[in-house]
Amino acid sequence: MTSRVLIVDDHADFRRLARALLEPEGVEILGEAGRGRDALAMVAALRPDAVLLDVQLPDLDGFAVCRAIRAAWPAVRVVLCSVRPTAAYGPRYAECGAHAFAAKDELTGPAVALMLGPGGPAST
């Protein structure tokens, strides 16, 4: 089953990289957003299976966006990503309801596709 994914990051270069990593893995990219509020509107309109979501956004942080997505659309899997390690965020990561976390410098297409896909690993 192909995952339908929304990519959310305020850097267009990262969005292009994520698309280039995921599309060869059979992931369908429904759209891209650069701000948290835009991401929420796009999730409502597009109903993706999953969201690859940057932690640092210019308007809302990724934790707030993740909580809002999980509250309104609990079936949507959210994979947070950041240049910082998970430990840098303390309990905020665990409390927001994200499905998984991906360090940007360790992204690979297969790993992220697995996290975003159905039955992928739950966050630890």
PDB file of N, CA and C in Angstrom:
ATOM      1  N   MET A   1       0.842  -1.185   0.000  1.00  0.00           N
ATOM      2  CA  MET A   1       0.000   0.000   0.000  1.00  0.00           C
ATOM      3  C   MET A   1       0.882   1.242   0.000  1.00  0.00           C
ATOM      4  N   THR A   2       0.596   2.175  -0.865  1.00  0.00           N
ATOM      5  CA  THR A   2       1.351   3.406  -0.973  1.00  0.00           C
ATOM      6  C   THR A   2       0.893   4.397   0.088  1.00  0.00           C
ATOM      7  N   SER A   3       1.841   5.015   0.763  1.00  0.00           N
ATOM      8  CA  SER A   3       1.509   6.070   1.722  1.00  0.00           C
ATOM      9  C   SER A   3       1.360   7.384   0.980  1.00  0.00           C
ATOM     10  N   ARG A   4       0.375   8.161   1.389  1.00  0.00           N
ATOM     11  CA  ARG A   4       0.136   9.497   0.856  1.00  0.00           C
ATOM     12  C   ARG A   4       0.614  10.470   1.917  1.00  0.00           C
ATOM     13  N   VAL A   5       1.622  11.295   1.568  1.00  0.00           N
ATOM     14  CA  VAL A   5       2.353  12.061   2.574  1.00  0.00           C
ATOM     15  C   VAL A   5       2.356  13.557   2.256  1.00  0.00           C
ATOM     16  N   LEU A   6       2.292  14.349   3.328  1.00  0.00           N
ATOM     17  CA  LEU A   6       2.486  15.792   3.272  1.00  0.00           C
ATOM     18  C   LEU A   6       3.843  16.086   3.909  1.00  0.00           C
ATOM     19  N   ILE A   7       4.664  16.893   3.223  1.00  0.00           N
ATOM     20  CA  ILE A   7       5.971  17.290   3.745  1.00  0.00           C
ATOM     21  C   ILE A   7       5.860  18.713   4.269  1.00  0.00           C
ATOM     22  N   VAL A   8       6.277  18.927   5.528  1.00  0.00           N
ATOM     23  CA  VAL A   8       6.189  20.254   6.149  1.00  0.00           C
ATOM     24  C   VAL A   8       7.557  20.651   6.680  1.00  0.00           C
ATOM     25  N   ASP A   9       8.120  21.689   6.067  1.00  0.00           N
ATOM     26  CA  ASP A   9       9.418  22.227   6.492  1.00  0.00           C
ATOM     27  C   ASP A   9       9.528  23.628   5.922  1.00  0.00           C
ATOM     28  N   ASP A  10      10.104  24.550   6.682  1.00  0.00           N
ATOM     29  CA  ASP A  10      10.204  25.927   6.202  1.00  0.00           C
ATOM     30  C   ASP A  10      11.340  26.126   5.204  1.00  0.00           C
ATOM     31  N   HIS A  11      12.135  25.103   4.944  1.00  0.00           N
ATOM     32  CA  HIS A  11      13.221  25.203   3.959  1.00  0.00           C
ATOM     33  C   HIS A  11      12.849  24.417   2.704  1.00  0.00           C
ATOM     34  N   ALA A  12      12.732  25.130   1.585  1.00  0.00           N
ATOM     35  CA  ALA A  12      12.365  24.496   0.321  1.00  0.00           C
ATOM     36  C   ALA A  12      13.383  23.433  -0.088  1.00  0.00           C
ATOM     37  N   ASP A  13      14.659  23.663   0.213  1.00  0.00           N
ATOM     38  CA  ASP A  13      15.681  22.668  -0.137  1.00  0.00           C
ATOM     39  C   ASP A  13      15.426  21.354   0.582  1.00  0.00           C
ATOM     40  N   PHE A  14      15.032  21.407   1.845  1.00  0.00           N
ATOM     41  CA  PHE A  14      14.749  20.165   2.563  1.00  0.00           C
ATOM     42  C   PHE A  14      13.508  19.492   1.997  1.00  0.00           C
ATOM     43  N   ARG A  15      12.492  20.269   1.656  1.00  0.00           N
ATOM     44  CA  ARG A  15      11.287  19.672   1.070  1.00  0.00           C
ATOM     45  C   ARG A  15      11.626  18.947  -0.234  1.00  0.00           C
ATOM     46  N   ARG A  16      12.487  19.553  -1.047  1.00  0.00           N
ATOM     47  CA  ARG A  16      12.915  18.903  -2.292  1.00  0.00           C
ATOM     48  C   ARG A  16      13.690  17.613  -2.001  1.00  0.00           C
ATOM     49  N   LEU A  17      14.581  17.663  -1.009  1.00  0.00           N
ATOM     50  CA  LEU A  17      15.352  16.485  -0.640  1.00  0.00           C
ATOM     51  C   LEU A  17      14.431  15.366  -0.151  1.00  0.00           C
ATOM     52  N   ALA A  18      13.502  15.697   0.724  1.00  0.00           N
ATOM     53  CA  ALA A  18      12.574  14.694   1.246  1.00  0.00           C
ATOM     54  C   ALA A  18      11.763  14.065   0.116  1.00  0.00           C
ATOM     55  N   ARG A  19      11.302  14.887  -0.806  1.00  0.00           N
ATOM     56  CA  ARG A  19      10.547  14.376  -1.961  1.00  0.00           C
ATOM     57  C   ARG A  19      11.426  13.425  -2.775  1.00  0.00           C
ATOM     58  N   ALA A  20      12.669  13.846  -3.021  1.00  0.00           N
ATOM     59  CA  ALA A  20      13.589  13.018  -3.813  1.00  0.00           C
ATOM     60  C   ALA A  20      13.908  11.687  -3.121  1.00  0.00           C
ATOM     61  N   LEU A  21      13.924  11.683  -1.791  1.00  0.00           N
ATOM     62  CA  LEU A  21      14.175  10.444  -1.050  1.00  0.00           C
ATOM     63  C   LEU A  21      12.959   9.530  -1.019  1.00  0.00           C
ATOM     64  N   LEU A  22      11.767  10.121  -0.921  1.00  0.00           N
ATOM     65  CA  LEU A  22      10.558   9.330  -0.699  1.00  0.00           C
ATOM     66  C   LEU A  22       9.892   8.808  -1.971  1.00  0.00           C
ATOM     67  N   GLU A  23       9.886   9.605  -3.017  1.00  0.00           N
ATOM     68  CA  GLU A  23       9.183   9.173  -4.230  1.00  0.00           C
ATOM     69  C   GLU A  23       9.743   7.861  -4.800  1.00  0.00           C
ATOM     70  N   PRO A  24      11.057   7.661  -4.830  1.00  0.00           N
ATOM     71  CA  PRO A  24      11.561   6.372  -5.335  1.00  0.00           C
ATOM     72  C   PRO A  24      11.153   5.175  -4.468  1.00  0.00           C
ATOM     73  N   GLU A  25      10.731   5.451  -3.237  1.00  0.00           N
ATOM     74  CA  GLU A  25      10.281   4.389  -2.338  1.00  0.00           C
ATOM     75  C   GLU A  25       8.793   4.094  -2.503  1.00  0.00           C
ATOM     76  N   GLY A  26       8.157   4.742  -3.486  1.00  0.00           N
ATOM     77  CA  GLY A  26       6.741   4.508  -3.735  1.00  0.00           C
ATOM     78  C   GLY A  26       5.810   5.370  -2.910  1.00  0.00           C
ATOM     79  N   VAL A  27       6.353   6.373  -2.225  1.00  0.00           N
ATOM     80  CA  VAL A  27       5.543   7.275  -1.413  1.00  0.00           C
ATOM     81  C   VAL A  27       4.951   8.353  -2.319  1.00  0.00           C
ATOM     82  N   GLU A  28       3.661   8.573  -2.218  1.00  0.00           N
ATOM     83  CA  GLU A  28       2.992   9.626  -2.983  1.00  0.00           C
ATOM     84  C   GLU A  28       3.020  10.917  -2.173  1.00  0.00           C
ATOM     85  N   ILE A  29       3.644  11.955  -2.699  1.00  0.00           N
ATOM     86  CA  ILE A  29       3.709  13.248  -2.022  1.00  0.00           C
ATOM     87  C   ILE A  29       2.482  14.051  -2.445  1.00  0.00           C
ATOM     88  N   LEU A  30       1.583  14.303  -1.497  1.00  0.00           N
ATOM     89  CA  LEU A  30       0.356  15.044  -1.796  1.00  0.00           C
ATOM     90  C   LEU A  30       0.592  16.534  -1.881  1.00  0.00           C
ATOM     91  N   GLY A  31       1.600  17.024  -1.148  1.00  0.00           N
ATOM     92  CA  GLY A  31       1.859  18.452  -1.140  1.00  0.00           C
ATOM     93  C   GLY A  31       2.962  18.792  -0.172  1.00  0.00           C
ATOM     94  N   GLU A  32       3.264  20.077  -0.122  1.00  0.00           N
ATOM     95  CA  GLU A  32       4.316  20.599   0.747  1.00  0.00           C
ATOM     96  C   GLU A  32       3.816  21.876   1.401  1.00  0.00           C
ATOM     97  N   ALA A  33       4.267  22.093   2.631  1.00  0.00           N
ATOM     98  CA  ALA A  33       3.930  23.324   3.352  1.00  0.00           C
ATOM     99  C   ALA A  33       5.182  23.827   4.053  1.00  0.00           C
ATOM    100  N   GLY A  34       5.261  25.145   4.213  1.00  0.00           N
ATOM    101  CA  GLY A  34       6.398  25.758   4.872  1.00  0.00           C
ATOM    102  C   GLY A  34       6.071  26.354   6.233  1.00  0.00           C
ATOM    103  N   ARG A  35       4.801  26.310   6.606  1.00  0.00           N
ATOM    104  CA  ARG A  35       4.363  26.878   7.884  1.00  0.00           C
ATOM    105  C   ARG A  35       3.374  25.915   8.547  1.00  0.00           C
ATOM    106  N   GLY A  36       3.299  25.986   9.863  1.00  0.00           N
ATOM    107  CA  GLY A  36       2.426  25.103  10.608  1.00  0.00           C
ATOM    108  C   GLY A  36       0.952  25.287  10.290  1.00  0.00           C
ATOM    109  N   ARG A  37       0.496  26.527  10.214  1.00  0.00           N
ATOM    110  CA  ARG A  37      -0.930  26.776   9.917  1.00  0.00           C
ATOM    111  C   ARG A  37      -1.297  26.268   8.525  1.00  0.00           C
ATOM    112  N   ASP A  38      -0.376  26.449   7.572  1.00  0.00           N
ATOM    113  CA  ASP A  38      -0.616  25.921   6.220  1.00  0.00           C
ATOM    114  C   ASP A  38      -0.694  24.395   6.260  1.00  0.00           C
ATOM    115  N   ALA A  39       0.157  23.782   7.069  1.00  0.00           N
ATOM    116  CA  ALA A  39       0.144  22.322   7.192  1.00  0.00           C
ATOM    117  C   ALA A  39      -1.202  21.832   7.709  1.00  0.00           C
ATOM    118  N   LEU A  40      -1.734  22.494   8.734  1.00  0.00           N
ATOM    119  CA  LEU A  40      -3.026  22.082   9.284  1.00  0.00           C
ATOM    120  C   LEU A  40      -4.138  22.211   8.244  1.00  0.00           C
ATOM    121  N   ALA A  41      -4.126  23.286   7.480  1.00  0.00           N
ATOM    122  CA  ALA A  41      -5.130  23.462   6.428  1.00  0.00           C
ATOM    123  C   ALA A  41      -4.987  22.384   5.354  1.00  0.00           C
ATOM    124  N   MET A  42      -3.747  22.050   5.019  1.00  0.00           N
ATOM    125  CA  MET A  42      -3.524  21.033   3.989  1.00  0.00           C
ATOM    126  C   MET A  42      -3.900  19.636   4.483  1.00  0.00           C
ATOM    127  N   VAL A  43      -3.662  19.338   5.742  1.00  0.00           N
ATOM    128  CA  VAL A  43      -4.078  18.047   6.279  1.00  0.00           C
ATOM    129  C   VAL A  43      -5.603  17.942   6.210  1.00  0.00           C
ATOM    130  N   ALA A  44      -6.293  19.017   6.563  1.00  0.00           N
ATOM    131  CA  ALA A  44      -7.757  19.016   6.499  1.00  0.00           C
ATOM    132  C   ALA A  44      -8.259  18.811   5.069  1.00  0.00           C
ATOM    133  N   ALA A  45      -7.602  19.444   4.115  1.00  0.00           N
ATOM    134  CA  ALA A  45      -8.046  19.371   2.723  1.00  0.00           C
ATOM    135  C   ALA A  45      -7.627  18.083   2.017  1.00  0.00           C
ATOM    136  N   LEU A  46      -6.400  17.632   2.273  1.00  0.00           N
ATOM    137  CA  LEU A  46      -5.837  16.515   1.510  1.00  0.00           C
ATOM    138  C   LEU A  46      -5.976  15.152   2.191  1.00  0.00           C
ATOM    139  N   ARG A  47      -6.139  15.151   3.524  1.00  0.00           N
ATOM    140  CA  ARG A  47      -6.259  13.926   4.307  1.00  0.00           C
ATOM    141  C   ARG A  47      -5.134  12.923   3.993  1.00  0.00           C
ATOM    142  N   PRO A  48      -3.889  13.317   4.246  1.00  0.00           N
ATOM    143  CA  PRO A  48      -2.771  12.398   3.995  1.00  0.00           C
ATOM    144  C   PRO A  48      -2.786  11.230   4.990  1.00  0.00           C
ATOM    145  N   ASP A  49      -2.067  10.195   4.643  1.00  0.00           N
ATOM    146  CA  ASP A  49      -1.870   9.078   5.575  1.00  0.00           C
ATOM    147  C   ASP A  49      -0.849   9.466   6.635  1.00  0.00           C
ATOM    148  N   ALA A  50       0.106  10.317   6.228  1.00  0.00           N
ATOM    149  CA  ALA A  50       1.203  10.666   7.128  1.00  0.00           C
ATOM    150  C   ALA A  50       1.739  12.053   6.801  1.00  0.00           C
ATOM    151  N   VAL A  51       2.426  12.621   7.793  1.00  0.00           N
ATOM    152  CA  VAL A  51       3.045  13.941   7.653  1.00  0.00           C
ATOM    153  C   VAL A  51       4.494  13.849   8.124  1.00  0.00           C
ATOM    154  N   LEU A  52       5.427  14.286   7.270  1.00  0.00           N
ATOM    155  CA  LEU A  52       6.823  14.452   7.668  1.00  0.00           C
ATOM    156  C   LEU A  52       6.934  15.901   8.101  1.00  0.00           C
ATOM    157  N   LEU A  53       7.154  16.139   9.389  1.00  0.00           N
ATOM    158  CA  LEU A  53       6.962  17.451  10.000  1.00  0.00           C
ATOM    159  C   LEU A  53       8.220  17.959  10.708  1.00  0.00           C
ATOM    160  N   ASP A  54       8.723  19.095  10.260  1.00  0.00           N
ATOM    161  CA  ASP A  54       9.870  19.735  10.903  1.00  0.00           C
ATOM    162  C   ASP A  54       9.456  20.269  12.273  1.00  0.00           C
ATOM    163  N   VAL A  55      10.358  20.198  13.223  1.00  0.00           N
ATOM    164  CA  VAL A  55      10.082  20.708  14.571  1.00  0.00           C
ATOM    165  C   VAL A  55      10.107  22.236  14.590  1.00  0.00           C
ATOM    166  N   GLN A  56      11.032  22.843  13.866  1.00  0.00           N
ATOM    167  CA  GLN A  56      11.204  24.302  13.890  1.00  0.00           C
ATOM    168  C   GLN A  56      10.509  24.932  12.683  1.00  0.00           C
ATOM    169  N   LEU A  57       9.356  25.530  12.916  1.00  0.00           N
ATOM    170  CA  LEU A  57       8.616  26.228  11.874  1.00  0.00           C
ATOM    171  C   LEU A  57       8.466  27.687  12.278  1.00  0.00           C
ATOM    172  N   PRO A  58       8.250  28.585  11.318  1.00  0.00           N
ATOM    173  CA  PRO A  58       8.224  30.012  11.652  1.00  0.00           C
ATOM    174  C   PRO A  58       7.007  30.483  12.447  1.00  0.00           C
ATOM    175  N   ASP A  59       5.882  29.777  12.359  1.00  0.00           N
ATOM    176  CA  ASP A  59       4.693  30.269  13.050  1.00  0.00           C
ATOM    177  C   ASP A  59       4.307  29.417  14.255  1.00  0.00           C
ATOM    178  N   LEU A  60       4.229  28.131  14.098  1.00  0.00           N
ATOM    179  CA  LEU A  60       3.919  27.198  15.180  1.00  0.00           C
ATOM    180  C   LEU A  60       5.050  26.183  15.235  1.00  0.00           C
ATOM    181  N   ASP A  61       5.375  25.700  16.428  1.00  0.00           N
ATOM    182  CA  ASP A  61       6.404  24.665  16.416  1.00  0.00           C
ATOM    183  C   ASP A  61       5.769  23.332  16.035  1.00  0.00           C
ATOM    184  N   GLY A  62       6.612  22.411  15.601  1.00  0.00           N
ATOM    185  CA  GLY A  62       6.130  21.118  15.140  1.00  0.00           C
ATOM    186  C   GLY A  62       5.381  20.336  16.196  1.00  0.00           C
ATOM    187  N   PHE A  63       5.720  20.544  17.462  1.00  0.00           N
ATOM    188  CA  PHE A  63       5.017  19.841  18.534  1.00  0.00           C
ATOM    189  C   PHE A  63       3.554  20.269  18.593  1.00  0.00           C
ATOM    190  N   ALA A  64       3.311  21.569  18.472  1.00  0.00           N
ATOM    191  CA  ALA A  64       1.938  22.078  18.480  1.00  0.00           C
ATOM    192  C   ALA A  64       1.172  21.583  17.253  1.00  0.00           C
ATOM    193  N   VAL A  65       1.821  21.586  16.111  1.00  0.00           N
ATOM    194  CA  VAL A  65       1.183  21.106  14.883  1.00  0.00           C
ATOM    195  C   VAL A  65       0.863  19.617  15.033  1.00  0.00           C
ATOM    196  N   CYS A  66       1.799  18.854  15.556  1.00  0.00           N
ATOM    197  CA  CYS A  66       1.585  17.421  15.753  1.00  0.00           C
ATOM    198  C   CYS A  66       0.399  17.175  16.680  1.00  0.00           C
ATOM    199  N   ARG A  67       0.345  17.890  17.802  1.00  0.00           N
ATOM    200  CA  ARG A  67      -0.774  17.710  18.731  1.00  0.00           C
ATOM    201  C   ARG A  67      -2.108  18.020  18.048  1.00  0.00           C
ATOM    202  N   ALA A  68      -2.145  19.084  17.251  1.00  0.00           N
ATOM    203  CA  ALA A  68      -3.381  19.458  16.561  1.00  0.00           C
ATOM    204  C   ALA A  68      -3.784  18.403  15.536  1.00  0.00           C
ATOM    205  N   ILE A  69      -2.820  17.880  14.801  1.00  0.00           N
ATOM    206  CA  ILE A  69      -3.117  16.836  13.818  1.00  0.00           C
ATOM    207  C   ILE A  69      -3.645  15.597  14.531  1.00  0.00           C
ATOM    208  N   ARG A  70      -2.968  15.174  15.568  1.00  0.00           N
ATOM    209  CA  ARG A  70      -3.354  13.951  16.278  1.00  0.00           C
ATOM    210  C   ARG A  70      -4.736  14.101  16.929  1.00  0.00           C
ATOM    211  N   ALA A  71      -5.072  15.315  17.389  1.00  0.00           N
ATOM    212  CA  ALA A  71      -6.385  15.540  18.008  1.00  0.00           C
ATOM    213  C   ALA A  71      -7.508  15.495  16.969  1.00  0.00           C
ATOM    214  N   ALA A  72      -7.283  16.108  15.811  1.00  0.00           N
ATOM    215  CA  ALA A  72      -8.335  16.200  14.799  1.00  0.00           C
ATOM    216  C   ALA A  72      -8.380  14.988  13.865  1.00  0.00           C
ATOM    217  N   TRP A  73      -7.217  14.417  13.588  1.00  0.00           N
ATOM    218  CA  TRP A  73      -7.116  13.289  12.653  1.00  0.00           C
ATOM    219  C   TRP A  73      -6.210  12.225  13.266  1.00  0.00           C
ATOM    220  N   PRO A  74      -6.690  11.476  14.237  1.00  0.00           N
ATOM    221  CA  PRO A  74      -5.839  10.543  14.977  1.00  0.00           C
ATOM    222  C   PRO A  74      -5.213   9.434  14.131  1.00  0.00           C
ATOM    223  N   ALA A  75      -5.760   9.145  12.972  1.00  0.00           N
ATOM    224  CA  ALA A  75      -5.189   8.094  12.125  1.00  0.00           C
ATOM    225  C   ALA A  75      -3.967   8.568  11.335  1.00  0.00           C
ATOM    226  N   VAL A  76      -3.756   9.873  11.262  1.00  0.00           N
ATOM    227  CA  VAL A  76      -2.614  10.403  10.506  1.00  0.00           C
ATOM    228  C   VAL A  76      -1.336  10.177  11.299  1.00  0.00           C
ATOM    229  N   ARG A  77      -0.379   9.497  10.682  1.00  0.00           N
ATOM    230  CA  ARG A  77       0.921   9.269  11.311  1.00  0.00           C
ATOM    231  C   ARG A  77       1.782  10.511  11.121  1.00  0.00           C
ATOM    232  N   VAL A  78       2.429  10.944  12.190  1.00  0.00           N
ATOM    233  CA  VAL A  78       3.295  12.119  12.132  1.00  0.00           C
ATOM    234  C   VAL A  78       4.719  11.683  12.479  1.00  0.00           C
ATOM    235  N   VAL A  79       5.642  11.986  11.569  1.00  0.00           N
ATOM    236  CA  VAL A  79       7.062  11.760  11.817  1.00  0.00           C
ATOM    237  C   VAL A  79       7.712  13.124  11.941  1.00  0.00           C
ATOM    238  N   LEU A  80       8.170  13.430  13.147  1.00  0.00           N
ATOM    239  CA  LEU A  80       8.879  14.685  13.376  1.00  0.00           C
ATOM    240  C   LEU A  80      10.305  14.558  12.869  1.00  0.00           C
ATOM    241  N   CYS A  81      10.866  15.664  12.387  1.00  0.00           N
ATOM    242  CA  CYS A  81      12.263  15.652  11.965  1.00  0.00           C
ATOM    243  C   CYS A  81      12.925  16.955  12.405  1.00  0.00           C
ATOM    244  N   SER A  82      14.221  16.856  12.653  1.00  0.00           N
ATOM    245  CA  SER A  82      14.970  18.010  13.139  1.00  0.00           C
ATOM    246  C   SER A  82      16.454  17.788  12.910  1.00  0.00           C
ATOM    247  N   VAL A  83      17.201  18.893  12.932  1.00  0.00           N
ATOM    248  CA  VAL A  83      18.659  18.794  12.893  1.00  0.00           C
ATOM    249  C   VAL A  83      19.191  18.423  14.268  1.00  0.00           C
ATOM    250  N   ARG A  84      18.373  18.591  15.298  1.00  0.00           N
ATOM    251  CA  ARG A  84      18.760  18.234  16.667  1.00  0.00           C
ATOM    252  C   ARG A  84      18.296  16.815  16.982  1.00  0.00           C
ATOM    253  N   PRO A  85      18.967  16.138  17.908  1.00  0.00           N
ATOM    254  CA  PRO A  85      18.535  14.791  18.290  1.00  0.00           C
ATOM    255  C   PRO A  85      17.267  14.835  19.141  1.00  0.00           C
ATOM    256  N   THR A  86      16.584  13.733  19.202  1.00  0.00           N
ATOM    257  CA  THR A  86      15.350  13.622  19.982  1.00  0.00           C
ATOM    258  C   THR A  86      15.545  14.092  21.421  1.00  0.00           C
ATOM    259  N   ALA A  87      16.675  13.721  22.015  1.00  0.00           N
ATOM    260  CA  ALA A  87      16.941  14.050  23.420  1.00  0.00           C
ATOM    261  C   ALA A  87      16.941  15.553  23.676  1.00  0.00           C
ATOM    262  N   ALA A  88      17.219  16.355  22.658  1.00  0.00           N
ATOM    263  CA  ALA A  88      17.261  17.805  22.823  1.00  0.00           C
ATOM    264  C   ALA A  88      15.888  18.382  23.158  1.00  0.00           C
ATOM    265  N   TYR A  89      14.840  17.630  22.892  1.00  0.00           N
ATOM    266  CA  TYR A  89      13.485  18.137  23.103  1.00  0.00           C
ATOM    267  C   TYR A  89      12.833  17.614  24.375  1.00  0.00           C
ATOM    268  N   GLY A  90      13.524  16.766  25.087  1.00  0.00           N
ATOM    269  CA  GLY A  90      12.995  16.263  26.353  1.00  0.00           C
ATOM    270  C   GLY A  90      11.617  15.664  26.195  1.00  0.00           C
ATOM    271  N   PRO A  91      10.739  15.921  27.157  1.00  0.00           N
ATOM    272  CA  PRO A  91       9.420  15.290  27.138  1.00  0.00           C
ATOM    273  C   PRO A  91       8.491  15.826  26.050  1.00  0.00           C
ATOM    274  N   ARG A  92       8.827  16.955  25.452  1.00  0.00           N
ATOM    275  CA  ARG A  92       7.938  17.516  24.417  1.00  0.00           C
ATOM    276  C   ARG A  92       7.712  16.530  23.279  1.00  0.00           C
ATOM    277  N   TYR A  93       8.759  15.800  22.907  1.00  0.00           N
ATOM    278  CA  TYR A  93       8.615  14.823  21.819  1.00  0.00           C
ATOM    279  C   TYR A  93       7.646  13.711  22.231  1.00  0.00           C
ATOM    280  N   ALA A  94       7.861  13.146  23.391  1.00  0.00           N
ATOM    281  CA  ALA A  94       7.030  12.029  23.847  1.00  0.00           C
ATOM    282  C   ALA A  94       5.576  12.444  24.050  1.00  0.00           C
ATOM    283  N   GLU A  95       5.349  13.677  24.449  1.00  0.00           N
ATOM    284  CA  GLU A  95       3.998  14.143  24.787  1.00  0.00           C
ATOM    285  C   GLU A  95       3.165  14.600  23.586  1.00  0.00           C
ATOM    286  N   CYS A  96       3.778  14.806  22.441  1.00  0.00           N
ATOM    287  CA  CYS A  96       3.016  15.373  21.320  1.00  0.00           C
ATOM    288  C   CYS A  96       2.272  14.335  20.491  1.00  0.00           C
ATOM    289  N   GLY A  97       2.581  13.056  20.685  1.00  0.00           N
ATOM    290  CA  GLY A  97       1.862  12.010  19.969  1.00  0.00           C
ATOM    291  C   GLY A  97       2.454  11.630  18.631  1.00  0.00           C
ATOM    292  N   ALA A  98       3.700  12.018  18.369  1.00  0.00           N
ATOM    293  CA  ALA A  98       4.337  11.668  17.100  1.00  0.00           C
ATOM    294  C   ALA A  98       4.527  10.164  16.986  1.00  0.00           C
ATOM    295  N   HIS A  99       4.449   9.685  15.779  1.00  0.00           N
ATOM    296  CA  HIS A  99       4.633   8.266  15.487  1.00  0.00           C
ATOM    297  C   HIS A  99       6.110   7.880  15.555  1.00  0.00           C
ATOM    298  N   ALA A 100       6.980   8.809  15.118  1.00  0.00           N
ATOM    299  CA  ALA A 100       8.418   8.531  15.089  1.00  0.00           C
ATOM    300  C   ALA A 100       9.169   9.849  14.976  1.00  0.00           C
ATOM    301  N   PHE A 101      10.489   9.761  15.071  1.00  0.00           N
ATOM    302  CA  PHE A 101      11.370  10.927  14.956  1.00  0.00           C
ATOM    303  C   PHE A 101      12.500  10.561  14.007  1.00  0.00           C
ATOM    304  N   ALA A 102      12.847  11.490  13.113  1.00  0.00           N
ATOM    305  CA  ALA A 102      13.938  11.278  12.163  1.00  0.00           C
ATOM    306  C   ALA A 102      14.909  12.447  12.248  1.00  0.00           C
ATOM    307  N   ALA A 103      16.165  12.155  12.515  1.00  0.00           N
ATOM    308  CA  ALA A 103      17.199  13.184  12.484  1.00  0.00           C
ATOM    309  C   ALA A 103      17.482  13.515  11.014  1.00  0.00           C
ATOM    310  N   LYS A 104      17.459  14.796  10.682  1.00  0.00           N
ATOM    311  CA  LYS A 104      17.609  15.194   9.284  1.00  0.00           C
ATOM    312  C   LYS A 104      18.912  14.704   8.665  1.00  0.00           C
ATOM    313  N   ASP A 105      19.981  14.665   9.446  1.00  0.00           N
ATOM    314  CA  ASP A 105      21.262  14.258   8.865  1.00  0.00           C
ATOM    315  C   ASP A 105      21.371  12.742   8.695  1.00  0.00           C
ATOM    316  N   GLU A 106      20.377  12.009   9.137  1.00  0.00           N
ATOM    317  CA  GLU A 106      20.383  10.557   9.000  1.00  0.00           C
ATOM    318  C   GLU A 106      19.256  10.055   8.100  1.00  0.00           C
ATOM    319  N   LEU A 107      18.595  10.968   7.394  1.00  0.00           N
ATOM    320  CA  LEU A 107      17.466  10.574   6.566  1.00  0.00           C
ATOM    321  C   LEU A 107      17.907   9.718   5.387  1.00  0.00           C
ATOM    322  N   THR A 108      17.194   8.631   5.210  1.00  0.00           N
ATOM    323  CA  THR A 108      17.313   7.829   3.998  1.00  0.00           C
ATOM    324  C   THR A 108      15.900   7.553   3.525  1.00  0.00           C
ATOM    325  N   GLY A 109      15.748   7.359   2.242  1.00  0.00           N
ATOM    326  CA  GLY A 109      14.427   7.071   1.703  1.00  0.00           C
ATOM    327  C   GLY A 109      13.775   5.864   2.331  1.00  0.00           C
ATOM    328  N   PRO A 110      14.467   4.716   2.376  1.00  0.00           N
ATOM    329  CA  PRO A 110      13.831   3.531   2.957  1.00  0.00           C
ATOM    330  C   PRO A 110      13.442   3.709   4.424  1.00  0.00           C
ATOM    331  N   ALA A 111      14.298   4.351   5.211  1.00  0.00           N
ATOM    332  CA  ALA A 111      14.007   4.521   6.644  1.00  0.00           C
ATOM    333  C   ALA A 111      12.781   5.408   6.853  1.00  0.00           C
ATOM    334  N   VAL A 112      12.729   6.536   6.157  1.00  0.00           N
ATOM    335  CA  VAL A 112      11.596   7.442   6.336  1.00  0.00           C
ATOM    336  C   VAL A 112      10.321   6.825   5.759  1.00  0.00           C
ATOM    337  N   ALA A 113      10.427   6.149   4.623  1.00  0.00           N
ATOM    338  CA  ALA A 113       9.250   5.493   4.053  1.00  0.00           C
ATOM    339  C   ALA A 113       8.691   4.467   5.035  1.00  0.00           C
ATOM    340  N   LEU A 114       9.568   3.742   5.715  1.00  0.00           N
ATOM    341  CA  LEU A 114       9.124   2.759   6.705  1.00  0.00           C
ATOM    342  C   LEU A 114       8.421   3.454   7.869  1.00  0.00           C
ATOM    343  N   MET A 115       8.971   4.563   8.353  1.00  0.00           N
ATOM    344  CA  MET A 115       8.348   5.297   9.451  1.00  0.00           C
ATOM    345  C   MET A 115       6.998   5.852   9.071  1.00  0.00           C
ATOM    346  N   LEU A 116       6.884   6.338   7.824  1.00  0.00           N
ATOM    347  CA  LEU A 116       5.637   6.963   7.372  1.00  0.00           C
ATOM    348  C   LEU A 116       4.581   5.947   6.977  1.00  0.00           C
ATOM    349  N   GLY A 117       5.019   4.762   6.621  1.00  0.00           N
ATOM    350  CA  GLY A 117       4.099   3.778   6.091  1.00  0.00           C
ATOM    351  C   GLY A 117       3.263   3.072   7.139  1.00  0.00           C
ATOM    352  N   PRO A 118       2.207   2.412   6.678  1.00  0.00           N
ATOM    353  CA  PRO A 118       1.362   1.661   7.598  1.00  0.00           C
ATOM    354  C   PRO A 118       2.175   0.549   8.259  1.00  0.00           C
ATOM    355  N   GLY A 119       1.983   0.395   9.528  1.00  0.00           N
ATOM    356  CA  GLY A 119       2.702  -0.639  10.246  1.00  0.00           C
ATOM    357  C   GLY A 119       4.138  -0.291  10.558  1.00  0.00           C
ATOM    358  N   GLY A 120       4.536   0.953  10.264  1.00  0.00           N
ATOM    359  CA  GLY A 120       5.910   1.382  10.560  1.00  0.00           C
ATOM    360  C   GLY A 120       6.137   1.430  12.053  1.00  0.00           C
ATOM    361  N   PRO A 121       7.384   1.629  12.452  1.00  0.00           N
ATOM    362  CA  PRO A 121       7.682   1.597  13.875  1.00  0.00           C
ATOM    363  C   PRO A 121       7.014   2.738  14.630  1.00  0.00           C
ATOM    364  N   ALA A 122       6.524   2.442  15.782  1.00  0.00           N
ATOM    365  CA  ALA A 122       5.985   3.490  16.665  1.00  0.00           C
ATOM    366  C   ALA A 122       7.142   4.190  17.316  1.00  0.00           C
ATOM    367  N   SER A 123       6.912   5.411  17.781  1.00  0.00           N
ATOM    368  CA  SER A 123       7.970   6.166  18.432  1.00  0.00           C
ATOM    369  C   SER A 123       8.349   5.493  19.739  1.00  0.00           C
ATOM    370  N   THR A 124       9.615   5.664  20.082  1.00  0.00           N
ATOM    371  CA  THR A 124      10.097   5.080  21.340  1.00  0.00           C
ATOM    372  C   THR A 124      10.631   6.159  22.230  1.00  0.00           C
TER     373      THR A 124
END
